[in-house]
C-alpha atoms as a PDB file:
ATOM      1  CA  UNK A   1    -110.606  99.297 -68.812  1.00  0.00           C
ATOM      2  CA  UNK A   2    -107.628  98.908 -66.452  1.00  0.00           C
ATOM      3  CA  UNK A   3    -106.113  95.500 -65.952  1.00  0.00           C
ATOM      4  CA  UNK A   4    -104.505  94.812 -62.637  1.00  0.00           C
ATOM      5  CA  UNK A   5    -101.354  92.773 -62.927  1.00  0.00           C
ATOM      6  CA  UNK A   6    -100.709  90.740 -59.827  1.00  0.00           C
ATOM      7  CA  UNK A   7     -97.158  90.046 -58.682  1.00  0.00           C
ATOM      8  CA  UNK A   8     -95.923  86.579 -59.451  1.00  0.00           C
ATOM      9  CA  UNK A   9     -95.773  84.638 -56.227  1.00  0.00           C
ATOM     10  CA  UNK A  10     -92.444  83.184 -55.149  1.00  0.00           C
ATOM     11  CA  UNK A  11     -92.617  79.448 -55.071  1.00  0.00           C
ATOM     12  CA  UNK A  12     -90.982  77.641 -52.116  1.00  0.00           C
ATOM     13  CA  UNK A  13     -88.132  76.260 -54.242  1.00  0.00           C
ATOM     14  CA  UNK A  14     -87.091  79.724 -55.394  1.00  0.00           C
ATOM     15  CA  UNK A  15     -87.236  81.057 -51.829  1.00  0.00           C
ATOM     16  CA  UNK A  16     -84.991  78.209 -50.745  1.00  0.00           C
ATOM     17  CA  UNK A  17     -82.489  79.020 -53.501  1.00  0.00           C
ATOM     18  CA  UNK A  18     -82.425  82.690 -52.453  1.00  0.00           C
ATOM     19  CA  UNK A  19     -81.810  81.785 -48.825  1.00  0.00           C
ATOM     20  CA  UNK A  20     -79.057  79.354 -49.789  1.00  0.00           C
ATOM     21  CA  UNK A  21     -77.353  81.945 -52.019  1.00  0.00           C
ATOM     22  CA  UNK A  22     -77.491  84.531 -49.223  1.00  0.00           C
ATOM     23  CA  UNK A  23     -75.983  82.125 -46.721  1.00  0.00           C
ATOM     24  CA  UNK A  24     -73.222  81.225 -49.186  1.00  0.00           C
ATOM     25  CA  UNK A  25     -72.311  84.894 -49.692  1.00  0.00           C
ATOM     26  CA  UNK A  26     -72.249  85.491 -45.945  1.00  0.00           C
ATOM     27  CA  UNK A  27     -70.091  82.401 -45.447  1.00  0.00           C
ATOM     28  CA  UNK A  28     -67.648  83.550 -48.135  1.00  0.00           C
ATOM     29  CA  UNK A  29     -67.439  86.972 -46.518  1.00  0.00           C
ATOM     30  CA  UNK A  30     -66.713  85.407 -43.131  1.00  0.00           C
ATOM     31  CA  UNK A  31     -64.040  83.143 -44.622  1.00  0.00           C
ATOM     32  CA  UNK A  32     -62.466  86.089 -46.467  1.00  0.00           C
ATOM     33  CA  UNK A  33     -62.516  88.213 -43.331  1.00  0.00           C
ATOM     34  CA  UNK A  34     -60.984  85.376 -41.322  1.00  0.00           C
ATOM     35  CA  UNK A  35     -58.164  85.053 -43.858  1.00  0.00           C
ATOM     36  CA  UNK A  36     -57.455  88.781 -43.651  1.00  0.00           C
ATOM     37  CA  UNK A  37     -57.343  88.692 -39.843  1.00  0.00           C
ATOM     38  CA  UNK A  38     -55.102  85.626 -39.866  1.00  0.00           C
ATOM     39  CA  UNK A  39     -52.791  87.260 -42.418  1.00  0.00           C
ATOM     40  CA  UNK A  40     -52.485  90.391 -40.260  1.00  0.00           C
ATOM     41  CA  UNK A  41     -51.765  88.343 -37.120  1.00  0.00           C
ATOM     42  CA  UNK A  42     -49.175  86.251 -38.963  1.00  0.00           C
ATOM     43  CA  UNK A  43     -47.355  89.292 -40.353  1.00  0.00           C
ATOM     44  CA  UNK A  44     -47.326  90.993 -36.960  1.00  0.00           C
ATOM     45  CA  UNK A  45     -45.819  87.878 -35.356  1.00  0.00           C
ATOM     46  CA  UNK A  46     -43.188  87.592 -38.096  1.00  0.00           C
ATOM     47  CA  UNK A  47     -42.247  91.252 -37.673  1.00  0.00           C
ATOM     48  CA  UNK A  48     -41.893  90.804 -33.910  1.00  0.00           C
ATOM     49  CA  UNK A  49     -39.740  87.691 -34.355  1.00  0.00           C
ATOM     50  CA  UNK A  50     -37.562  89.510 -36.904  1.00  0.00           C
ATOM     51  CA  UNK A  51     -37.102  92.480 -34.575  1.00  0.00           C
ATOM     52  CA  UNK A  52     -36.218  90.132 -31.724  1.00  0.00           C
ATOM     53  CA  UNK A  53     -33.611  88.412 -33.931  1.00  0.00           C
ATOM     54  CA  UNK A  54     -31.913  91.557 -35.242  1.00  0.00           C
ATOM     55  CA  UNK A  55     -32.100  93.581 -32.017  1.00  0.00           C
ATOM     56  CA  UNK A  56     -28.779  92.268 -30.574  1.00  0.00           C
ATOM     57  CA  UNK A  57     -26.967  92.932 -33.858  1.00  0.00           C
ATOM     58  CA  UNK A  58     -28.430  96.427 -34.124  1.00  0.00           C
ATOM     59  CA  UNK A  59     -27.511  97.170 -30.504  1.00  0.00           C
ATOM     60  CA  UNK A  60     -23.936  95.963 -31.053  1.00  0.00           C
ATOM     61  CA  UNK A  61     -23.535  98.149 -34.137  1.00  0.00           C
ATOM     62  CA  UNK A  62     -24.932 101.131 -32.257  1.00  0.00           C
ATOM     63  CA  UNK A  63     -22.600 100.499 -29.303  1.00  0.00           C
ATOM     64  CA  UNK A  64     -19.614 100.486 -31.653  1.00  0.00           C
ATOM     65  CA  UNK A  65     -20.033 104.265 -31.911  1.00  0.00           C
ATOM     66  CA  UNK A  66     -20.264 104.826 -28.140  1.00  0.00           C
ATOM     67  CA  UNK A  67     -17.620 105.331 -25.500  1.00  0.00           C
ATOM     68  CA  UNK A  68     -17.119 102.720 -22.779  1.00  0.00           C
ATOM     69  CA  UNK A  69     -18.641 105.001 -20.163  1.00  0.00           C
ATOM     70  CA  UNK A  70     -21.787 105.517 -22.236  1.00  0.00           C
ATOM     71  CA  UNK A  71     -22.113 101.792 -22.883  1.00  0.00           C
ATOM     72  CA  UNK A  72     -21.857 101.004 -19.154  1.00  0.00           C
ATOM     73  CA  UNK A  73     -24.043 103.817 -17.853  1.00  0.00           C
ATOM     74  CA  UNK A  74     -26.633 104.508 -20.550  1.00  0.00           C
ATOM     75  CA  UNK A  75     -29.479 102.461 -21.958  1.00  0.00           C
ATOM     76  CA  UNK A  76     -30.106 104.661 -24.989  1.00  0.00           C
ATOM     77  CA  UNK A  77     -30.067 102.924 -28.335  1.00  0.00           C
ATOM     78  CA  UNK A  78     -28.589 105.776 -30.367  1.00  0.00           C
ATOM     79  CA  UNK A  79     -25.222 107.159 -29.206  1.00  0.00           C
ATOM     80  CA  UNK A  80     -25.367 110.644 -27.700  1.00  0.00           C
ATOM     81  CA  UNK A  81     -21.943 111.610 -29.048  1.00  0.00           C
ATOM     82  CA  UNK A  82     -21.021 109.242 -31.909  1.00  0.00           C
ATOM     83  CA  UNK A  83     -17.317 108.512 -32.129  1.00  0.00           C
ATOM     84  CA  UNK A  84     -15.016 106.601 -34.476  1.00  0.00           C
ATOM     85  CA  UNK A  85     -12.366 106.056 -31.790  1.00  0.00           C
ATOM     86  CA  UNK A  86     -13.264 102.384 -31.333  1.00  0.00           C
ATOM     87  CA  UNK A  87     -12.815 101.647 -35.039  1.00  0.00           C
ATOM     88  CA  UNK A  88      -9.568 103.636 -35.141  1.00  0.00           C
ATOM     89  CA  UNK A  89      -8.194 101.673 -32.187  1.00  0.00           C
ATOM     90  CA  UNK A  90      -9.204  98.289 -33.618  1.00  0.00           C
ATOM     91  CA  UNK A  91      -7.752  98.988 -37.074  1.00  0.00           C
ATOM     92  CA  UNK A  92      -4.666 100.886 -35.974  1.00  0.00           C
ATOM     93  CA  UNK A  93      -3.614  99.550 -32.578  1.00  0.00           C
ATOM     94  CA  UNK A  94      -4.439  95.833 -32.774  1.00  0.00           C
ATOM     95  CA  UNK A  95      -3.640  92.949 -35.092  1.00  0.00           C
ATOM     96  CA  UNK A  96      -7.127  93.043 -36.590  1.00  0.00           C
ATOM     97  CA  UNK A  97      -5.839  92.967 -40.214  1.00  0.00           C
ATOM     98  CA  UNK A  98      -3.859  89.826 -39.380  1.00  0.00           C
ATOM     99  CA  UNK A  99      -6.869  88.237 -37.707  1.00  0.00           C
ATOM    100  CA  UNK A 100      -8.984  89.103 -40.742  1.00  0.00           C
ATOM    101  CA  UNK A 101      -6.415  87.552 -43.088  1.00  0.00           C
ATOM    102  CA  UNK A 102      -6.284  84.354 -41.008  1.00  0.00           C
ATOM    103  CA  UNK A 103     -10.080  84.068 -40.920  1.00  0.00           C
ATOM    104  CA  UNK A 104     -10.312  84.586 -44.673  1.00  0.00           C
ATOM    105  CA  UNK A 105      -7.648  81.962 -45.327  1.00  0.00           C
ATOM    106  CA  UNK A 106      -9.339  79.398 -43.095  1.00  0.00           C
ATOM    107  CA  UNK A 107     -12.869  80.153 -44.298  1.00  0.00           C
ATOM    108  CA  UNK A 108     -12.086  80.174 -48.016  1.00  0.00           C
ATOM    109  CA  UNK A 109      -9.748  77.189 -47.692  1.00  0.00           C
ATOM    110  CA  UNK A 110     -12.382  75.153 -45.881  1.00  0.00           C
ATOM    111  CA  UNK A 111     -15.046  76.173 -48.389  1.00  0.00           C
ATOM    112  CA  UNK A 112     -12.869  75.300 -51.376  1.00  0.00           C
ATOM    113  CA  UNK A 113     -11.880  71.877 -50.043  1.00  0.00           C
ATOM    114  CA  UNK A 114     -15.442  71.118 -48.916  1.00  0.00           C
ATOM    115  CA  UNK A 115     -16.739  71.853 -52.418  1.00  0.00           C
ATOM    116  CA  UNK A 116     -14.028  69.782 -54.120  1.00  0.00           C
ATOM    117  CA  UNK A 117     -14.184  66.756 -51.827  1.00  0.00           C
ATOM    118  CA  UNK A 118     -17.939  67.023 -51.316  1.00  0.00           C
ATOM    119  CA  UNK A 119     -18.547  67.096 -55.058  1.00  0.00           C
ATOM    120  CA  UNK A 120     -16.427  64.013 -55.648  1.00  0.00           C
ATOM    121  CA  UNK A 121     -17.912  62.133 -52.683  1.00  0.00           C
ATOM    122  CA  UNK A 122     -21.498  63.136 -53.467  1.00  0.00           C
ATOM    123  CA  UNK A 123     -21.110  62.203 -57.138  1.00  0.00           C
ATOM    124  CA  UNK A 124     -19.651  58.812 -56.244  1.00  0.00           C
ATOM    125  CA  UNK A 125     -22.507  58.092 -53.812  1.00  0.00           C
ATOM    126  CA  UNK A 126     -25.075  59.208 -56.367  1.00  0.00           C
ATOM    127  CA  UNK A 127     -23.849  57.399 -59.460  1.00  0.00           C
ATOM    128  CA  UNK A 128     -22.100  54.218 -58.314  1.00  0.00           C
ATOM    129  CA  UNK A 129     -23.121  51.235 -56.223  1.00  0.00           C
ATOM    130  CA  UNK A 130     -20.053  49.855 -54.476  1.00  0.00           C
ATOM    131  CA  UNK A 131     -19.241  47.838 -51.380  1.00  0.00           C
ATOM    132  CA  UNK A 132     -19.198  50.017 -48.268  1.00  0.00           C
ATOM    133  CA  UNK A 133     -21.251  52.812 -49.823  1.00  0.00           C
ATOM    134  CA  UNK A 134     -23.798  52.880 -46.999  1.00  0.00           C
ATOM    135  CA  UNK A 135     -21.047  52.608 -44.366  1.00  0.00           C
ATOM    136  CA  UNK A 136     -19.231  55.567 -45.919  1.00  0.00           C
ATOM    137  CA  UNK A 137     -22.333  57.756 -45.922  1.00  0.00           C
ATOM    138  CA  UNK A 138     -23.380  56.807 -42.404  1.00  0.00           C
ATOM    139  CA  UNK A 139     -19.874  57.374 -41.071  1.00  0.00           C
ATOM    140  CA  UNK A 140     -20.049  60.956 -42.263  1.00  0.00           C
ATOM    141  CA  UNK A 141     -23.311  61.438 -40.401  1.00  0.00           C
ATOM    142  CA  UNK A 142     -21.930  59.905 -37.203  1.00  0.00           C
ATOM    143  CA  UNK A 143     -19.482  62.807 -36.921  1.00  0.00           C
ATOM    144  CA  UNK A 144     -22.465  65.158 -36.615  1.00  0.00           C
ATOM    145  CA  UNK A 145     -23.950  63.168 -33.723  1.00  0.00           C
ATOM    146  CA  UNK A 146     -21.285  64.143 -31.189  1.00  0.00           C
ATOM    147  CA  UNK A 147     -20.766  67.617 -29.696  1.00  0.00           C
ATOM    148  CA  UNK A 148     -17.566  69.418 -30.547  1.00  0.00           C
ATOM    149  CA  UNK A 149     -16.470  69.508 -26.897  1.00  0.00           C
ATOM    150  CA  UNK A 150     -16.378  65.706 -26.871  1.00  0.00           C
ATOM    151  CA  UNK A 151     -14.056  65.606 -29.890  1.00  0.00           C
ATOM    152  CA  UNK A 152     -11.716  68.390 -28.780  1.00  0.00           C
ATOM    153  CA  UNK A 153      -9.240  66.237 -26.820  1.00  0.00           C
ATOM    154  CA  UNK A 154      -8.948  63.429 -29.438  1.00  0.00           C
ATOM    155  CA  UNK A 155      -8.471  66.022 -32.181  1.00  0.00           C
ATOM    156  CA  UNK A 156      -5.904  67.900 -30.092  1.00  0.00           C
ATOM    157  CA  UNK A 157      -3.853  64.732 -29.514  1.00  0.00           C
ATOM    158  CA  UNK A 158      -4.103  63.730 -33.157  1.00  0.00           C
ATOM    159  CA  UNK A 159      -3.064  67.138 -34.435  1.00  0.00           C
ATOM    160  CA  UNK A 160      -0.236  67.302 -31.885  1.00  0.00           C
ATOM    161  CA  UNK A 161       1.256  64.121 -33.316  1.00  0.00           C
ATOM    162  CA  UNK A 162       1.461  65.815 -36.718  1.00  0.00           C
ATOM    163  CA  UNK A 163       2.751  69.127 -35.332  1.00  0.00           C
ATOM    164  CA  UNK A 164      -0.279  71.107 -36.439  1.00  0.00           C
ATOM    165  CA  UNK A 165      -1.194  72.722 -33.106  1.00  0.00           C
ATOM    166  CA  UNK A 166      -0.989  76.530 -33.190  1.00  0.00           C
ATOM    167  CA  UNK A 167      -1.276  76.552 -36.975  1.00  0.00           C
ATOM    168  CA  UNK A 168      -4.128  77.436 -39.292  1.00  0.00           C
ATOM    169  CA  UNK A 169      -3.930  73.916 -40.724  1.00  0.00           C
ATOM    170  CA  UNK A 170      -5.385  72.584 -37.466  1.00  0.00           C
ATOM    171  CA  UNK A 171      -8.507  74.698 -37.950  1.00  0.00           C
ATOM    172  CA  UNK A 172      -8.720  73.843 -41.637  1.00  0.00           C
ATOM    173  CA  UNK A 173      -8.665  70.085 -40.967  1.00  0.00           C
ATOM    174  CA  UNK A 174     -11.121  70.357 -38.077  1.00  0.00           C
ATOM    175  CA  UNK A 175     -13.654  72.528 -39.890  1.00  0.00           C
ATOM    176  CA  UNK A 176     -13.437  70.348 -42.970  1.00  0.00           C
ATOM    177  CA  UNK A 177     -14.257  67.320 -40.817  1.00  0.00           C
ATOM    178  CA  UNK A 178     -17.544  68.882 -39.732  1.00  0.00           C
ATOM    179  CA  UNK A 179     -18.374  70.414 -43.114  1.00  0.00           C
ATOM    180  CA  UNK A 180     -17.959  67.295 -45.243  1.00  0.00           C
ATOM    181  CA  UNK A 181     -21.057  65.497 -43.975  1.00  0.00           C
ATOM    182  CA  UNK A 182     -23.312  68.384 -44.976  1.00  0.00           C
ATOM    183  CA  UNK A 183     -21.459  68.919 -48.256  1.00  0.00           C
ATOM    184  CA  UNK A 184     -21.562  65.300 -49.421  1.00  0.00           C
ATOM    185  CA  UNK A 185     -25.199  64.647 -48.549  1.00  0.00           C
ATOM    186  CA  UNK A 186     -26.472  67.970 -49.862  1.00  0.00           C
ATOM    187  CA  UNK A 187     -24.705  67.580 -53.202  1.00  0.00           C
ATOM    188  CA  UNK A 188     -25.734  63.930 -53.450  1.00  0.00           C
ATOM    189  CA  UNK A 189     -29.361  65.054 -53.319  1.00  0.00           C
ATOM    190  CA  UNK A 190     -28.792  67.390 -56.255  1.00  0.00           C
ATOM    191  CA  UNK A 191     -26.854  64.846 -58.272  1.00  0.00           C
ATOM    192  CA  UNK A 192     -29.633  62.279 -57.793  1.00  0.00           C
ATOM    193  CA  UNK A 193     -32.086  64.684 -59.435  1.00  0.00           C
ATOM    194  CA  UNK A 194     -29.953  65.178 -62.562  1.00  0.00           C
ATOM    195  CA  UNK A 195     -31.064  62.740 -65.304  1.00  0.00           C
ATOM    196  CA  UNK A 196     -28.488  60.119 -66.167  1.00  0.00           C
ATOM    197  CA  UNK A 197     -29.404  60.433 -69.844  1.00  0.00           C
ATOM    198  CA  UNK A 198     -27.525  63.749 -69.979  1.00  0.00           C
ATOM    199  CA  UNK A 199     -24.324  62.034 -68.870  1.00  0.00           C
ATOM    200  CA  UNK A 200     -24.871  59.118 -71.231  1.00  0.00           C
ATOM    201  CA  UNK A 201     -25.202  61.547 -74.138  1.00  0.00           C
ATOM    202  CA  UNK A 202     -21.964  63.247 -73.075  1.00  0.00           C
ATOM    203  CA  UNK A 203     -20.204  59.863 -72.902  1.00  0.00           C
ATOM    204  CA  UNK A 204     -21.339  59.089 -76.440  1.00  0.00           C
ATOM    205  CA  UNK A 205     -19.907  62.448 -77.546  1.00  0.00           C
ATOM    206  CA  UNK A 206     -16.513  61.464 -76.115  1.00  0.00           C
ATOM    207  CA  UNK A 207     -16.446  63.182 -72.726  1.00  0.00           C
ATOM    208  CA  UNK A 208     -14.912  61.378 -69.760  1.00  0.00           C
ATOM    209  CA  UNK A 209     -16.304  61.260 -66.228  1.00  0.00           C
ATOM    210  CA  UNK A 210     -14.317  64.214 -64.922  1.00  0.00           C
ATOM    211  CA  UNK A 211     -15.374  66.385 -67.855  1.00  0.00           C
ATOM    212  CA  UNK A 212     -18.988  65.403 -67.282  1.00  0.00           C
ATOM    213  CA  UNK A 213     -18.732  66.273 -63.599  1.00  0.00           C
ATOM    214  CA  UNK A 214     -17.070  69.679 -64.001  1.00  0.00           C
ATOM    215  CA  UNK A 215     -18.777  70.866 -67.187  1.00  0.00           C
ATOM    216  CA  UNK A 216     -22.274  69.378 -66.922  1.00  0.00           C
ATOM    217  CA  UNK A 217     -23.194  68.069 -63.479  1.00  0.00           C
ATOM    218  CA  UNK A 218     -21.797  70.848 -61.287  1.00  0.00           C
ATOM    219  CA  UNK A 219     -23.319  73.702 -63.341  1.00  0.00           C
ATOM    220  CA  UNK A 220     -26.716  71.988 -63.130  1.00  0.00           C
ATOM    221  CA  UNK A 221     -26.270  71.674 -59.345  1.00  0.00           C
ATOM    222  CA  UNK A 222     -25.500  75.382 -58.983  1.00  0.00           C
ATOM    223  CA  UNK A 223     -28.001  76.077 -56.148  1.00  0.00           C
ATOM    224  CA  UNK A 224     -26.581  73.184 -54.150  1.00  0.00           C
ATOM    225  CA  UNK A 225     -23.035  74.438 -54.682  1.00  0.00           C
ATOM    226  CA  UNK A 226     -24.096  77.876 -53.420  1.00  0.00           C
ATOM    227  CA  UNK A 227     -25.790  76.406 -50.358  1.00  0.00           C
ATOM    228  CA  UNK A 228     -22.758  74.324 -49.411  1.00  0.00           C
ATOM    229  CA  UNK A 229     -20.416  77.269 -49.973  1.00  0.00           C
ATOM    230  CA  UNK A 230     -22.415  79.634 -47.750  1.00  0.00           C
ATOM    231  CA  UNK A 231     -22.876  77.193 -44.880  1.00  0.00           C
ATOM    232  CA  UNK A 232     -19.265  76.049 -44.930  1.00  0.00           C
ATOM    233  CA  UNK A 233     -17.975  79.606 -45.056  1.00  0.00           C
ATOM    234  CA  UNK A 234     -20.142  80.652 -42.097  1.00  0.00           C
ATOM    235  CA  UNK A 235     -19.084  77.575 -40.126  1.00  0.00           C
ATOM    236  CA  UNK A 236     -15.397  78.410 -40.492  1.00  0.00           C
ATOM    237  CA  UNK A 237     -15.889  82.162 -40.112  1.00  0.00           C
ATOM    238  CA  UNK A 238     -17.831  82.115 -36.837  1.00  0.00           C
ATOM    239  CA  UNK A 239     -16.291  79.125 -35.025  1.00  0.00           C
ATOM    240  CA  UNK A 240     -14.704  79.918 -31.658  1.00  0.00           C
ATOM    241  CA  UNK A 241     -14.209  76.811 -29.531  1.00  0.00           C
ATOM    242  CA  UNK A 242     -11.643  74.898 -31.611  1.00  0.00           C
ATOM    243  CA  UNK A 243      -9.783  78.090 -32.475  1.00  0.00           C
ATOM    244  CA  UNK A 244      -9.517  78.832 -28.758  1.00  0.00           C
ATOM    245  CA  UNK A 245      -8.182  75.328 -28.033  1.00  0.00           C
ATOM    246  CA  UNK A 246      -5.760  74.955 -30.944  1.00  0.00           C
ATOM    247  CA  UNK A 247      -4.281  78.469 -31.299  1.00  0.00           C
ATOM    248  CA  UNK A 248      -1.856  80.107 -28.857  1.00  0.00           C
ATOM    249  CA  UNK A 249       0.098  82.744 -30.797  1.00  0.00           C
ATOM    250  CA  UNK A 250      -1.618  86.136 -31.311  1.00  0.00           C
ATOM    251  CA  UNK A 251      -0.308  86.176 -34.868  1.00  0.00           C
ATOM    252  CA  UNK A 252      -2.303  83.025 -35.607  1.00  0.00           C
ATOM    253  CA  UNK A 253      -5.574  84.239 -34.091  1.00  0.00           C
ATOM    254  CA  UNK A 254      -8.750  84.337 -36.129  1.00  0.00           C
ATOM    255  CA  UNK A 255     -11.314  87.101 -35.681  1.00  0.00           C
ATOM    256  CA  UNK A 256     -13.326  85.276 -33.031  1.00  0.00           C
ATOM    257  CA  UNK A 257     -10.259  84.731 -30.815  1.00  0.00           C
ATOM    258  CA  UNK A 258      -8.948  88.212 -31.533  1.00  0.00           C
ATOM    259  CA  UNK A 259     -12.165  89.790 -30.274  1.00  0.00           C
ATOM    260  CA  UNK A 260     -12.026  87.584 -27.188  1.00  0.00           C
ATOM    261  CA  UNK A 261      -8.626  89.084 -26.345  1.00  0.00           C
ATOM    262  CA  UNK A 262     -10.373  92.389 -25.612  1.00  0.00           C
ATOM    263  CA  UNK A 263     -11.834  90.747 -22.492  1.00  0.00           C
ATOM    264  CA  UNK A 264      -9.155  91.211 -19.866  1.00  0.00           C
ATOM    265  CA  UNK A 265      -8.899  90.205 -16.214  1.00  0.00           C
ATOM    266  CA  UNK A 266     -10.237  93.391 -14.665  1.00  0.00           C
ATOM    267  CA  UNK A 267     -11.656  95.346 -17.604  1.00  0.00           C
ATOM    268  CA  UNK A 268     -13.576  94.650 -20.765  1.00  0.00           C
ATOM    269  CA  UNK A 269     -13.181  96.929 -23.761  1.00  0.00           C
ATOM    270  CA  UNK A 270     -16.812  96.803 -24.840  1.00  0.00           C
ATOM    271  CA  UNK A 271     -16.520  99.570 -27.400  1.00  0.00           C
ATOM    272  CA  UNK A 272     -13.592  97.861 -29.117  1.00  0.00           C
ATOM    273  CA  UNK A 273     -15.393  94.518 -29.056  1.00  0.00           C
ATOM    274  CA  UNK A 274     -18.489  96.048 -30.667  1.00  0.00           C
ATOM    275  CA  UNK A 275     -16.402  97.819 -33.308  1.00  0.00           C
ATOM    276  CA  UNK A 276     -14.481  94.638 -34.144  1.00  0.00           C
ATOM    277  CA  UNK A 277     -17.738  92.676 -34.197  1.00  0.00           C
ATOM    278  CA  UNK A 278     -19.297  95.181 -36.593  1.00  0.00           C
ATOM    279  CA  UNK A 279     -16.310  95.008 -38.917  1.00  0.00           C
ATOM    280  CA  UNK A 280     -16.426  91.210 -38.742  1.00  0.00           C
ATOM    281  CA  UNK A 281     -20.138  90.997 -39.452  1.00  0.00           C
ATOM    282  CA  UNK A 282     -20.445  93.401 -42.359  1.00  0.00           C
ATOM    283  CA  UNK A 283     -18.556  91.270 -44.950  1.00  0.00           C
ATOM    284  CA  UNK A 284     -20.645  88.232 -44.010  1.00  0.00           C
ATOM    285  CA  UNK A 285     -23.897  90.189 -44.278  1.00  0.00           C
ATOM    286  CA  UNK A 286     -22.950  91.480 -47.706  1.00  0.00           C
ATOM    287  CA  UNK A 287     -21.916  87.995 -48.833  1.00  0.00           C
ATOM    288  CA  UNK A 288     -25.168  86.504 -47.530  1.00  0.00           C
ATOM    289  CA  UNK A 289     -27.475  89.106 -49.082  1.00  0.00           C
ATOM    290  CA  UNK A 290     -25.754  88.756 -52.446  1.00  0.00           C
ATOM    291  CA  UNK A 291     -26.353  84.987 -52.428  1.00  0.00           C
ATOM    292  CA  UNK A 292     -29.655  85.039 -50.527  1.00  0.00           C
ATOM    293  CA  UNK A 293     -31.872  84.112 -53.461  1.00  0.00           C
ATOM    294  CA  UNK A 294     -29.638  81.261 -54.596  1.00  0.00           C
ATOM    295  CA  UNK A 295     -29.305  80.050 -50.999  1.00  0.00           C
ATOM    296  CA  UNK A 296     -33.070  79.976 -50.408  1.00  0.00           C
ATOM    297  CA  UNK A 297     -33.687  78.232 -53.715  1.00  0.00           C
ATOM    298  CA  UNK A 298     -30.992  75.710 -52.902  1.00  0.00           C
ATOM    299  CA  UNK A 299     -32.404  74.881 -49.474  1.00  0.00           C
ATOM    300  CA  UNK A 300     -35.945  74.341 -50.760  1.00  0.00           C
ATOM    301  CA  UNK A 301     -34.869  72.380 -53.805  1.00  0.00           C
ATOM    302  CA  UNK A 302     -32.408  70.282 -51.820  1.00  0.00           C
ATOM    303  CA  UNK A 303     -35.053  69.386 -49.254  1.00  0.00           C
ATOM    304  CA  UNK A 304     -37.421  68.250 -52.000  1.00  0.00           C
ATOM    305  CA  UNK A 305     -34.772  66.250 -53.830  1.00  0.00           C
ATOM    306  CA  UNK A 306     -33.148  64.709 -50.775  1.00  0.00           C
END
């Protein structure tokens, strides 16, 4: 005798659970698909922005290998007949080595002094409470509120009284004035995040304040030191306006003023400008890419600690 087994009917509650599970899977798929689309759109936009940012630099480097006639008459990105004549002229027939030396002296001098003075000022603001502390910090920030053009004449008169016009010292003092605010406040943020117990333990072991600063605090604030060094170096390396106002002798020119001298009354030596610009940019690019990871870590950490 055959027994017919009937299928078990699906109760309403189970049907509801199945429908809910199906809707949840479809919703997850839609959310996942939306994330993929958004990720693609975001990456495409970032690539376009990056290309827009590096296009002028790439065009300048390409033009460094072109003749003046090709630069003025052609719109091609790659040079038709690459030439090294522009680089040979810049290195052999101009004072480019002198300009490079002056820029290095000013940039490294400004960076060194900004790190020394900024470390001392930031450490004092972080660890001690003294009369005028807030006024000191706010005074540094006030310097950043005014455009450089507004301060050019007062600085020129002040430096003239001390006989510093047409010297590299004028640039060093000026750049240091603008770099100290960033240096002090950035390093203060790092010093605030270093536990005081470390310094107290060092004091118990017999170390003085200067030993604690140079051997303990500054190594722990390494990312902040890197950030200040990079920004200060770039500030002094790329600045044009004050160098144009304060310097008059070609032997005292920095790279930015030296390249400007290629622009003459009736002609502009575009090929030489592009070659000099390429030579000027390459050391900075190498320096930046070497310290890129430390710089990024320093910016993020400093923003969180500040």
